[in-house]
Structure formats: structure tokens, C-alpha cells
Amino acid sequence: MSPKLNQILKIMTPQEQTEVEDFAAFLLLRRQEQERRSLIDDISVRELTQLVAAAGSFDWLSAEGEDIYTVTDGEAVQWPGR
């Protein structure tokens, strides 16, 4: 810690020192949030979509065996009061 900051803290009241501590904690959290956001902002929506598509996580949706329902399956919805 710098000597000047030490001098300032020594002449502050305990309440003022608590406020400085709270503000310092806020600054650290804000920095962490900015770093997290920069990681998210580094990739565009298009690139993210391509990444997800290339990963194959949704390949099962186009699998032949998954297309098991037809328009005639199921029952009509019965809405109450109609």
C-alpha cells in the first residue's frame, strides 16, 4: 500500500475506513465482471452458433429414429369452458 494511502486511512474515522473497504471490494468485483464480459464478448453470435453446430450436440434432432410423431398423433386439446 502506498504511504499516502496509509496516511489517509490513519486519519479517517472507523466508519470512513469501512466505506473505503467497501468501495475497494466494489472495484475488485467490477474488474472481475469486466473480465468475464470480455470473455463473452470475444465471440460473435454467428461464431457461437457455428461452434454449437460443429460440436454435434444437436445432431440427434435430425436422426431418422427421432422423427416418430405425425400430424395425426395425439389428441385435440380440450380447453376448459369452451
C-alpha atoms as a PDB file:
ATOM      1  CA  MET A   1       0.000   0.000   0.000  1.00  0.00           C
ATOM      2  CA  SER A   2       1.273   3.459  -0.761  1.00  0.00           C
ATOM      3  CA  PRO A   3       2.490   5.660   2.105  1.00  0.00           C
ATOM      4  CA  LYS A   4      -0.001   8.371   1.127  1.00  0.00           C
ATOM      5  CA  LEU A   5      -2.928   5.954   1.326  1.00  0.00           C
ATOM      6  CA  ASN A   6      -1.697   4.740   4.704  1.00  0.00           C
ATOM      7  CA  GLN A   7      -1.637   8.323   5.999  1.00  0.00           C
ATOM      8  CA  ILE A   8      -5.146   8.997   4.734  1.00  0.00           C
ATOM      9  CA  LEU A   9      -6.519   5.813   6.304  1.00  0.00           C
ATOM     10  CA  LYS A  10      -4.911   6.639   9.661  1.00  0.00           C
ATOM     11  CA  ILE A  11      -6.774   9.939   9.964  1.00  0.00           C
ATOM     12  CA  MET A  12     -10.140   8.516   8.889  1.00  0.00           C
ATOM     13  CA  THR A  13     -12.854   7.513  11.286  1.00  0.00           C
ATOM     14  CA  PRO A  14     -13.681   3.788  11.561  1.00  0.00           C
ATOM     15  CA  GLN A  15     -16.880   4.427   9.574  1.00  0.00           C
ATOM     16  CA  GLU A  16     -14.918   6.149   6.793  1.00  0.00           C
ATOM     17  CA  GLN A  17     -12.419   3.296   6.745  1.00  0.00           C
ATOM     18  CA  THR A  18     -15.310   0.838   6.343  1.00  0.00           C
ATOM     19  CA  GLU A  19     -16.607   2.882   3.408  1.00  0.00           C
ATOM     20  CA  VAL A  20     -13.161   2.755   1.775  1.00  0.00           C
ATOM     21  CA  GLU A  21     -13.031  -1.022   2.295  1.00  0.00           C
ATOM     22  CA  ASP A  22     -16.490  -1.408   0.750  1.00  0.00           C
ATOM     23  CA  PHE A  23     -15.501   0.719  -2.220  1.00  0.00           C
ATOM     24  CA  ALA A  24     -12.294  -1.263  -2.730  1.00  0.00           C
ATOM     25  CA  ALA A  25     -14.311  -4.505  -2.678  1.00  0.00           C
ATOM     26  CA  PHE A  26     -16.698  -2.974  -5.231  1.00  0.00           C
ATOM     27  CA  LEU A  27     -13.775  -2.061  -7.513  1.00  0.00           C
ATOM     28  CA  LEU A  28     -12.445  -5.611  -7.382  1.00  0.00           C
ATOM     29  CA  LEU A  29     -15.860  -7.108  -8.184  1.00  0.00           C
ATOM     30  CA  ARG A  30     -16.349  -4.654 -11.039  1.00  0.00           C
ATOM     31  CA  ARG A  31     -12.980  -5.638 -12.509  1.00  0.00           C
ATOM     32  CA  GLN A  32     -13.882  -9.330 -12.308  1.00  0.00           C
ATOM     33  CA  GLU A  33     -17.207  -8.630 -14.041  1.00  0.00           C
ATOM     34  CA  GLN A  34     -15.488  -6.668 -16.810  1.00  0.00           C
ATOM     35  CA  GLU A  35     -13.020  -9.522 -17.346  1.00  0.00           C
ATOM     36  CA  ARG A  36     -15.896 -12.008 -17.507  1.00  0.00           C
ATOM     37  CA  ARG A  37     -17.768  -9.849 -20.004  1.00  0.00           C
ATOM     38  CA  SER A  38     -14.707  -9.513 -22.219  1.00  0.00           C
ATOM     39  CA  LEU A  39     -14.537 -13.303 -22.460  1.00  0.00           C
ATOM     40  CA  ILE A  40     -18.186 -13.429 -23.523  1.00  0.00           C
ATOM     41  CA  ASP A  41     -17.834 -10.550 -25.975  1.00  0.00           C
ATOM     42  CA  ASP A  42     -14.816 -12.099 -27.698  1.00  0.00           C
ATOM     43  CA  ILE A  43     -17.010 -14.394 -29.793  1.00  0.00           C
ATOM     44  CA  SER A  44     -19.805 -13.222 -32.054  1.00  0.00           C
ATOM     45  CA  VAL A  45     -23.262 -14.777 -32.115  1.00  0.00           C
ATOM     46  CA  ARG A  46     -22.512 -16.179 -35.569  1.00  0.00           C
ATOM     47  CA  GLU A  47     -19.275 -17.782 -34.384  1.00  0.00           C
ATOM     48  CA  LEU A  48     -21.012 -19.181 -31.312  1.00  0.00           C
ATOM     49  CA  THR A  49     -23.776 -20.658 -33.493  1.00  0.00           C
ATOM     50  CA  GLN A  50     -21.181 -22.273 -35.762  1.00  0.00           C
ATOM     51  CA  LEU A  51     -19.341 -23.655 -32.749  1.00  0.00           C
ATOM     52  CA  VAL A  52     -22.501 -25.207 -31.319  1.00  0.00           C
ATOM     53  CA  ALA A  53     -23.473 -26.664 -34.700  1.00  0.00           C
ATOM     54  CA  ALA A  54     -19.993 -28.129 -35.233  1.00  0.00           C
ATOM     55  CA  ALA A  55     -19.955 -29.684 -31.763  1.00  0.00           C
ATOM     56  CA  GLY A  56     -22.734 -32.080 -32.782  1.00  0.00           C
ATOM     57  CA  SER A  57     -24.756 -31.585 -29.618  1.00  0.00           C
ATOM     58  CA  PHE A  58     -27.980 -31.304 -31.602  1.00  0.00           C
ATOM     59  CA  ASP A  59     -27.311 -33.961 -34.241  1.00  0.00           C
ATOM     60  CA  TRP A  60     -29.926 -36.214 -32.654  1.00  0.00           C
ATOM     61  CA  LEU A  61     -32.636 -33.813 -33.844  1.00  0.00           C
ATOM     62  CA  SER A  62     -32.058 -34.817 -37.451  1.00  0.00           C
ATOM     63  CA  ALA A  63     -31.697 -38.540 -36.723  1.00  0.00           C
ATOM     64  CA  GLU A  64     -34.175 -40.756 -38.575  1.00  0.00           C
ATOM     65  CA  GLY A  65     -35.287 -42.515 -35.389  1.00  0.00           C
ATOM     66  CA  GLU A  66     -36.270 -39.254 -33.695  1.00  0.00           C
ATOM     67  CA  ASP A  67     -38.964 -38.419 -36.239  1.00  0.00           C
ATOM     68  CA  ILE A  68     -41.550 -40.725 -34.668  1.00  0.00           C
ATOM     69  CA  TYR A  69     -44.607 -38.476 -34.485  1.00  0.00           C
ATOM     70  CA  THR A  70     -47.026 -37.484 -37.235  1.00  0.00           C
ATOM     71  CA  VAL A  71     -49.699 -34.823 -37.564  1.00  0.00           C
ATOM     72  CA  THR A  72     -52.353 -37.419 -36.683  1.00  0.00           C
ATOM     73  CA  ASP A  73     -50.704 -38.426 -33.372  1.00  0.00           C
ATOM     74  CA  GLY A  74     -52.083 -37.193 -30.085  1.00  0.00           C
ATOM     75  CA  GLU A  75     -55.484 -35.817 -29.158  1.00  0.00           C
ATOM     76  CA  ALA A  76     -57.134 -32.468 -29.689  1.00  0.00           C
ATOM     77  CA  VAL A  77     -56.686 -30.032 -26.829  1.00  0.00           C
ATOM     78  CA  GLN A  78     -59.815 -29.542 -24.762  1.00  0.00           C
ATOM     79  CA  TRP A  79     -59.869 -26.031 -23.323  1.00  0.00           C
ATOM     80  CA  PRO A  80     -61.900 -25.580 -20.146  1.00  0.00           C
ATOM     81  CA  GLY A  81     -65.124 -23.603 -20.645  1.00  0.00           C
ATOM     82  CA  ARG A  82     -65.293 -23.977 -24.410  1.00  0.00           C
END
